[in-house]
Amino acid sequence: MCVSCGCGRFEDSHGDERNITVGSLRRAADASNLTIDQVLGATAAACNQMLAAGVPDHQSSGLAVEERLHPD
């Protein structure tokens, strides 16, 4: 779904690839040589940690998407 908004459409990016989809999670799994289940578990754990402790303010936020959209 667009995991970002929770609409329930697992592969719908709503025309903006910055939204998280199952495809995004699969690409993350492939990049890390993990299974989708492992990525889902790690993502859920990280989200729970951020809900409890706050979302870190990273200067590099969004750079991976920006680099893919606008390669050198």
PDB file of N, CA and C in Angstrom:
ATOM      1  N   MET A   1       0.855  -1.171   0.000  1.00  0.00           N
ATOM      2  CA  MET A   1       0.000   0.000   0.000  1.00  0.00           C
ATOM      3  C   MET A   1       0.883   1.209   0.000  1.00  0.00           C
ATOM      4  N   CYS A   2       0.306   2.307  -0.201  1.00  0.00           N
ATOM      5  CA  CYS A   2       1.050   3.502   0.112  1.00  0.00           C
ATOM      6  C   CYS A   2       1.152   3.466   1.618  1.00  0.00           C
ATOM      7  N   VAL A   3       2.215   2.850   2.105  1.00  0.00           N
ATOM      8  CA  VAL A   3       2.419   2.686   3.533  1.00  0.00           C
ATOM      9  C   VAL A   3       2.414   4.056   4.216  1.00  0.00           C
ATOM     10  N   SER A   4       2.786   5.059   3.466  1.00  0.00           N
ATOM     11  CA  SER A   4       2.858   6.404   4.024  1.00  0.00           C
ATOM     12  C   SER A   4       1.506   6.893   4.535  1.00  0.00           C
ATOM     13  N   CYS A   5       0.422   6.604   3.797  1.00  0.00           N
ATOM     14  CA  CYS A   5      -0.881   7.142   4.204  1.00  0.00           C
ATOM     15  C   CYS A   5      -1.832   6.077   4.738  1.00  0.00           C
ATOM     16  N   GLY A   6      -1.523   4.805   4.510  1.00  0.00           N
ATOM     17  CA  GLY A   6      -2.359   3.736   5.039  1.00  0.00           C
ATOM     18  C   GLY A   6      -3.639   3.493   4.250  1.00  0.00           C
ATOM     19  N   CYS A   7      -3.643   3.815   2.981  1.00  0.00           N
ATOM     20  CA  CYS A   7      -4.853   3.687   2.166  1.00  0.00           C
ATOM     21  C   CYS A   7      -5.231   2.235   1.871  1.00  0.00           C
ATOM     22  N   GLY A   8      -4.280   1.303   2.028  1.00  0.00           N
ATOM     23  CA  GLY A   8      -4.572  -0.103   1.780  1.00  0.00           C
ATOM     24  C   GLY A   8      -4.249  -0.564   0.371  1.00  0.00           C
ATOM     25  N   ARG A   9      -3.763   0.315  -0.491  1.00  0.00           N
ATOM     26  CA  ARG A   9      -3.364  -0.069  -1.857  1.00  0.00           C
ATOM     27  C   ARG A   9      -1.840  -0.245  -1.856  1.00  0.00           C
ATOM     28  N   PHE A  10      -1.409  -1.491  -1.700  1.00  0.00           N
ATOM     29  CA  PHE A  10      -0.009  -1.814  -1.427  1.00  0.00           C
ATOM     30  C   PHE A  10       1.001  -1.321  -2.454  1.00  0.00           C
ATOM     31  N   GLU A  11       0.626  -1.203  -3.708  1.00  0.00           N
ATOM     32  CA  GLU A  11       1.578  -0.787  -4.747  1.00  0.00           C
ATOM     33  C   GLU A  11       1.289   0.608  -5.291  1.00  0.00           C
ATOM     34  N   ASP A  12       0.392   1.357  -4.682  1.00  0.00           N
ATOM     35  CA  ASP A  12       0.008   2.676  -5.193  1.00  0.00           C
ATOM     36  C   ASP A  12       0.866   3.755  -4.551  1.00  0.00           C
ATOM     37  N   SER A  13       1.701   4.380  -5.352  1.00  0.00           N
ATOM     38  CA  SER A  13       2.546   5.454  -4.839  1.00  0.00           C
ATOM     39  C   SER A  13       1.868   6.813  -4.971  1.00  0.00           C
ATOM     40  N   HIS A  14       0.646   6.810  -5.459  1.00  0.00           N
ATOM     41  CA  HIS A  14      -0.114   8.053  -5.647  1.00  0.00           C
ATOM     42  C   HIS A  14       0.631   9.029  -6.556  1.00  0.00           C
ATOM     43  N   GLY A  15       1.386   8.484  -7.518  1.00  0.00           N
ATOM     44  CA  GLY A  15       2.101   9.325  -8.470  1.00  0.00           C
ATOM     45  C   GLY A  15       3.358   9.985  -7.927  1.00  0.00           C
ATOM     46  N   ASP A  16       3.780   9.593  -6.752  1.00  0.00           N
ATOM     47  CA  ASP A  16       4.966  10.203  -6.146  1.00  0.00           C
ATOM     48  C   ASP A  16       5.795   9.097  -5.506  1.00  0.00           C
ATOM     49  N   GLU A  17       6.931   8.801  -6.096  1.00  0.00           N
ATOM     50  CA  GLU A  17       7.721   7.664  -5.617  1.00  0.00           C
ATOM     51  C   GLU A  17       8.349   7.880  -4.253  1.00  0.00           C
ATOM     52  N   ARG A  18       8.183   9.041  -3.682  1.00  0.00           N
ATOM     53  CA  ARG A  18       8.655   9.240  -2.311  1.00  0.00           C
ATOM     54  C   ARG A  18       7.766   8.520  -1.308  1.00  0.00           C
ATOM     55  N   ASN A  19       6.528   8.207  -1.688  1.00  0.00           N
ATOM     56  CA  ASN A  19       5.650   7.433  -0.824  1.00  0.00           C
ATOM     57  C   ASN A  19       6.160   6.006  -0.727  1.00  0.00           C
ATOM     58  N   ILE A  20       6.015   5.404   0.417  1.00  0.00           N
ATOM     59  CA  ILE A  20       6.505   4.054   0.662  1.00  0.00           C
ATOM     60  C   ILE A  20       5.471   3.047   0.174  1.00  0.00           C
ATOM     61  N   THR A  21       5.936   2.090  -0.630  1.00  0.00           N
ATOM     62  CA  THR A  21       5.080   1.016  -1.135  1.00  0.00           C
ATOM     63  C   THR A  21       5.740  -0.320  -0.824  1.00  0.00           C
ATOM     64  N   VAL A  22       5.032  -1.400  -1.109  1.00  0.00           N
ATOM     65  CA  VAL A  22       5.643  -2.722  -0.954  1.00  0.00           C
ATOM     66  C   VAL A  22       6.870  -2.826  -1.862  1.00  0.00           C
ATOM     67  N   GLY A  23       6.814  -2.205  -3.031  1.00  0.00           N
ATOM     68  CA  GLY A  23       7.974  -2.186  -3.918  1.00  0.00           C
ATOM     69  C   GLY A  23       9.174  -1.539  -3.252  1.00  0.00           C
ATOM     70  N   SER A  24       8.941  -0.458  -2.515  1.00  0.00           N
ATOM     71  CA  SER A  24      10.025   0.208  -1.775  1.00  0.00           C
ATOM     72  C   SER A  24      10.654  -0.748  -0.775  1.00  0.00           C
ATOM     73  N   LEU A  25       9.797  -1.471  -0.072  1.00  0.00           N
ATOM     74  CA  LEU A  25      10.287  -2.414   0.933  1.00  0.00           C
ATOM     75  C   LEU A  25      11.037  -3.571   0.285  1.00  0.00           C
ATOM     76  N   ARG A  26      10.568  -4.032  -0.870  1.00  0.00           N
ATOM     77  CA  ARG A  26      11.280  -5.103  -1.591  1.00  0.00           C
ATOM     78  C   ARG A  26      12.643  -4.630  -2.061  1.00  0.00           C
ATOM     79  N   ARG A  27      12.722  -3.392  -2.563  1.00  0.00           N
ATOM     80  CA  ARG A  27      14.016  -2.857  -2.995  1.00  0.00           C
ATOM     81  C   ARG A  27      14.966  -2.743  -1.804  1.00  0.00           C
ATOM     82  N   ALA A  28      14.432  -2.346  -0.653  1.00  0.00           N
ATOM     83  CA  ALA A  28      15.269  -2.275   0.554  1.00  0.00           C
ATOM     84  C   ALA A  28      15.762  -3.656   0.948  1.00  0.00           C
ATOM     85  N   ALA A  29      14.895  -4.652   0.832  1.00  0.00           N
ATOM     86  CA  ALA A  29      15.294  -6.025   1.150  1.00  0.00           C
ATOM     87  C   ALA A  29      16.402  -6.487   0.207  1.00  0.00           C
ATOM     88  N   ASP A  30      16.227  -6.231  -1.080  1.00  0.00           N
ATOM     89  CA  ASP A  30      17.243  -6.616  -2.066  1.00  0.00           C
ATOM     90  C   ASP A  30      18.569  -5.913  -1.798  1.00  0.00           C
ATOM     91  N   ALA A  31      18.507  -4.628  -1.454  1.00  0.00           N
ATOM     92  CA  ALA A  31      19.724  -3.851  -1.220  1.00  0.00           C
ATOM     93  C   ALA A  31      20.498  -4.365  -0.017  1.00  0.00           C
ATOM     94  N   SER A  32      19.795  -4.951   0.932  1.00  0.00           N
ATOM     95  CA  SER A  32      20.425  -5.421   2.170  1.00  0.00           C
ATOM     96  C   SER A  32      20.575  -6.928   2.244  1.00  0.00           C
ATOM     97  N   ASN A  33      20.226  -7.619   1.137  1.00  0.00           N
ATOM     98  CA  ASN A  33      20.261  -9.080   1.112  1.00  0.00           C
ATOM     99  C   ASN A  33      19.439  -9.674   2.257  1.00  0.00           C
ATOM    100  N   LEU A  34      18.253  -9.105   2.465  1.00  0.00           N
ATOM    101  CA  LEU A  34      17.337  -9.581   3.490  1.00  0.00           C
ATOM    102  C   LEU A  34      16.044 -10.053   2.832  1.00  0.00           C
ATOM    103  N   THR A  35      15.232 -10.748   3.594  1.00  0.00           N
ATOM    104  CA  THR A  35      13.905 -11.107   3.095  1.00  0.00           C
ATOM    105  C   THR A  35      12.954  -9.948   3.371  1.00  0.00           C
ATOM    106  N   ILE A  36      11.843  -9.935   2.683  1.00  0.00           N
ATOM    107  CA  ILE A  36      10.840  -8.904   2.926  1.00  0.00           C
ATOM    108  C   ILE A  36      10.338  -8.990   4.363  1.00  0.00           C
ATOM    109  N   ASP A  37      10.211 -10.202   4.898  1.00  0.00           N
ATOM    110  CA  ASP A  37       9.783 -10.363   6.290  1.00  0.00           C
ATOM    111  C   ASP A  37      10.776  -9.727   7.262  1.00  0.00           C
ATOM    112  N   GLN A  38      12.071  -9.867   6.977  1.00  0.00           N
ATOM    113  CA  GLN A  38      13.078  -9.253   7.837  1.00  0.00           C
ATOM    114  C   GLN A  38      12.995  -7.734   7.774  1.00  0.00           C
ATOM    115  N   VAL A  39      12.806  -7.201   6.583  1.00  0.00           N
ATOM    116  CA  VAL A  39      12.681  -5.747   6.428  1.00  0.00           C
ATOM    117  C   VAL A  39      11.422  -5.246   7.124  1.00  0.00           C
ATOM    118  N   LEU A  40      10.311  -5.977   6.980  1.00  0.00           N
ATOM    119  CA  LEU A  40       9.084  -5.572   7.658  1.00  0.00           C
ATOM    120  C   LEU A  40       9.275  -5.556   9.169  1.00  0.00           C
ATOM    121  N   GLY A  41       9.945  -6.573   9.704  1.00  0.00           N
ATOM    122  CA  GLY A  41      10.195  -6.629  11.140  1.00  0.00           C
ATOM    123  C   GLY A  41      11.083  -5.491  11.608  1.00  0.00           C
ATOM    124  N   ALA A  42      12.153  -5.244  10.863  1.00  0.00           N
ATOM    125  CA  ALA A  42      13.071  -4.166  11.223  1.00  0.00           C
ATOM    126  C   ALA A  42      12.390  -2.808  11.104  1.00  0.00           C
ATOM    127  N   THR A  43      11.564  -2.643  10.082  1.00  0.00           N
ATOM    128  CA  THR A  43      10.849  -1.387   9.879  1.00  0.00           C
ATOM    129  C   THR A  43       9.847  -1.156  11.005  1.00  0.00           C
ATOM    130  N   ALA A  44       9.111  -2.196  11.359  1.00  0.00           N
ATOM    131  CA  ALA A  44       8.142  -2.075  12.457  1.00  0.00           C
ATOM    132  C   ALA A  44       8.854  -1.731  13.763  1.00  0.00           C
ATOM    133  N   ALA A  45       9.979  -2.390  14.030  1.00  0.00           N
ATOM    134  CA  ALA A  45      10.729  -2.119  15.256  1.00  0.00           C
ATOM    135  C   ALA A  45      11.253  -0.685  15.268  1.00  0.00           C
ATOM    136  N   ALA A  46      11.774  -0.229  14.136  1.00  0.00           N
ATOM    137  CA  ALA A  46      12.292   1.137  14.047  1.00  0.00           C
ATOM    138  C   ALA A  46      11.176   2.160  14.217  1.00  0.00           C
ATOM    139  N   CYS A  47      10.025   1.893  13.609  1.00  0.00           N
ATOM    140  CA  CYS A  47       8.885   2.807  13.746  1.00  0.00           C
ATOM    141  C   CYS A  47       8.417   2.867  15.189  1.00  0.00           C
ATOM    142  N   ASN A  48       8.347   1.731  15.854  1.00  0.00           N
ATOM    143  CA  ASN A  48       7.951   1.708  17.262  1.00  0.00           C
ATOM    144  C   ASN A  48       8.941   2.477  18.125  1.00  0.00           C
ATOM    145  N   GLN A  49      10.223   2.331  17.818  1.00  0.00           N
ATOM    146  CA  GLN A  49      11.249   3.050  18.571  1.00  0.00           C
ATOM    147  C   GLN A  49      11.100   4.557  18.367  1.00  0.00           C
ATOM    148  N   MET A  50      10.845   4.978  17.120  1.00  0.00           N
ATOM    149  CA  MET A  50      10.681   6.411  16.859  1.00  0.00           C
ATOM    150  C   MET A  50       9.403   6.955  17.481  1.00  0.00           C
ATOM    151  N   LEU A  51       8.349   6.140  17.509  1.00  0.00           N
ATOM    152  CA  LEU A  51       7.117   6.580  18.171  1.00  0.00           C
ATOM    153  C   LEU A  51       7.357   6.821  19.658  1.00  0.00           C
ATOM    154  N   ALA A  52       8.195   5.989  20.263  1.00  0.00           N
ATOM    155  CA  ALA A  52       8.466   6.100  21.689  1.00  0.00           C
ATOM    156  C   ALA A  52       9.468   7.206  22.010  1.00  0.00           C
ATOM    157  N   ALA A  53      10.486   7.353  21.163  1.00  0.00           N
ATOM    158  CA  ALA A  53      11.591   8.257  21.493  1.00  0.00           C
ATOM    159  C   ALA A  53      11.643   9.514  20.636  1.00  0.00           C
ATOM    160  N   GLY A  54      10.856   9.571  19.595  1.00  0.00           N
ATOM    161  CA  GLY A  54      10.893  10.712  18.693  1.00  0.00           C
ATOM    162  C   GLY A  54      11.649  10.393  17.418  1.00  0.00           C
ATOM    163  N   VAL A  55      11.295  11.086  16.387  1.00  0.00           N
ATOM    164  CA  VAL A  55      11.921  10.891  15.078  1.00  0.00           C
ATOM    165  C   VAL A  55      13.207  11.706  15.029  1.00  0.00           C
ATOM    166  N   PRO A  56      14.340  11.053  14.702  1.00  0.00           N
ATOM    167  CA  PRO A  56      15.599  11.790  14.638  1.00  0.00           C
ATOM    168  C   PRO A  56      15.575  12.796  13.484  1.00  0.00           C
ATOM    169  N   ASP A  57      16.247  13.892  13.660  1.00  0.00           N
ATOM    170  CA  ASP A  57      16.332  14.930  12.631  1.00  0.00           C
ATOM    171  C   ASP A  57      17.636  14.754  11.867  1.00  0.00           C
ATOM    172  N   HIS A  58      17.547  14.044  10.741  1.00  0.00           N
ATOM    173  CA  HIS A  58      18.738  13.785   9.936  1.00  0.00           C
ATOM    174  C   HIS A  58      18.821  14.771   8.786  1.00  0.00           C
ATOM    175  N   GLN A  59      19.967  15.360   8.609  1.00  0.00           N
ATOM    176  CA  GLN A  59      20.188  16.297   7.510  1.00  0.00           C
ATOM    177  C   GLN A  59      20.073  15.622   6.157  1.00  0.00           C
ATOM    178  N   SER A  60      20.373  14.303   6.087  1.00  0.00           N
ATOM    179  CA  SER A  60      20.380  13.588   4.808  1.00  0.00           C
ATOM    180  C   SER A  60      19.008  13.056   4.433  1.00  0.00           C
ATOM    181  N   SER A  61      17.986  13.393   5.184  1.00  0.00           N
ATOM    182  CA  SER A  61      16.639  12.887   4.942  1.00  0.00           C
ATOM    183  C   SER A  61      16.213  13.120   3.499  1.00  0.00           C
ATOM    184  N   GLY A  62      15.841  12.031   2.814  1.00  0.00           N
ATOM    185  CA  GLY A  62      15.344  12.119   1.451  1.00  0.00           C
ATOM    186  C   GLY A  62      16.408  12.134   0.374  1.00  0.00           C
ATOM    187  N   LEU A  63      17.680  12.104   0.726  1.00  0.00           N
ATOM    188  CA  LEU A  63      18.727  12.182  -0.286  1.00  0.00           C
ATOM    189  C   LEU A  63      18.759  10.976  -1.208  1.00  0.00           C
ATOM    190  N   ALA A  64      18.440   9.790  -0.700  1.00  0.00           N
ATOM    191  CA  ALA A  64      18.473   8.597  -1.551  1.00  0.00           C
ATOM    192  C   ALA A  64      17.482   8.729  -2.692  1.00  0.00           C
ATOM    193  N   VAL A  65      16.296   9.211  -2.416  1.00  0.00           N
ATOM    194  CA  VAL A  65      15.297   9.413  -3.474  1.00  0.00           C
ATOM    195  C   VAL A  65      15.754  10.510  -4.410  1.00  0.00           C
ATOM    196  N   GLU A  66      16.252  11.609  -3.866  1.00  0.00           N
ATOM    197  CA  GLU A  66      16.712  12.732  -4.680  1.00  0.00           C
ATOM    198  C   GLU A  66      17.823  12.286  -5.620  1.00  0.00           C
ATOM    199  N   GLU A  67      18.764  11.482  -5.121  1.00  0.00           N
ATOM    200  CA  GLU A  67      19.869  11.010  -5.945  1.00  0.00           C
ATOM    201  C   GLU A  67      19.367  10.099  -7.067  1.00  0.00           C
ATOM    202  N   ARG A  68      18.354   9.277  -6.771  1.00  0.00           N
ATOM    203  CA  ARG A  68      17.807   8.389  -7.793  1.00  0.00           C
ATOM    204  C   ARG A  68      17.033   9.181  -8.836  1.00  0.00           C
ATOM    205  N   LEU A  69      16.345  10.223  -8.424  1.00  0.00           N
ATOM    206  CA  LEU A  69      15.573  11.029  -9.361  1.00  0.00           C
ATOM    207  C   LEU A  69      16.445  11.929 -10.219  1.00  0.00           C
ATOM    208  N   HIS A  70      17.559  12.337  -9.664  1.00  0.00           N
ATOM    209  CA  HIS A  70      18.451  13.287 -10.355  1.00  0.00           C
ATOM    210  C   HIS A  70      19.903  12.806 -10.291  1.00  0.00           C
ATOM    211  N   PRO A  71      20.209  11.665 -10.971  1.00  0.00           N
ATOM    212  CA  PRO A  71      21.591  11.160 -10.914  1.00  0.00           C
ATOM    213  C   PRO A  71      22.551  12.102 -11.630  1.00  0.00           C
ATOM    214  N   ASP A  72      23.806  12.071 -11.203  1.00  0.00           N
ATOM    215  CA  ASP A  72      24.845  12.923 -11.836  1.00  0.00           C
ATOM    216  C   ASP A  72      25.105  12.509 -13.257  1.00  0.00           C
TER     217      ASP A  72
END
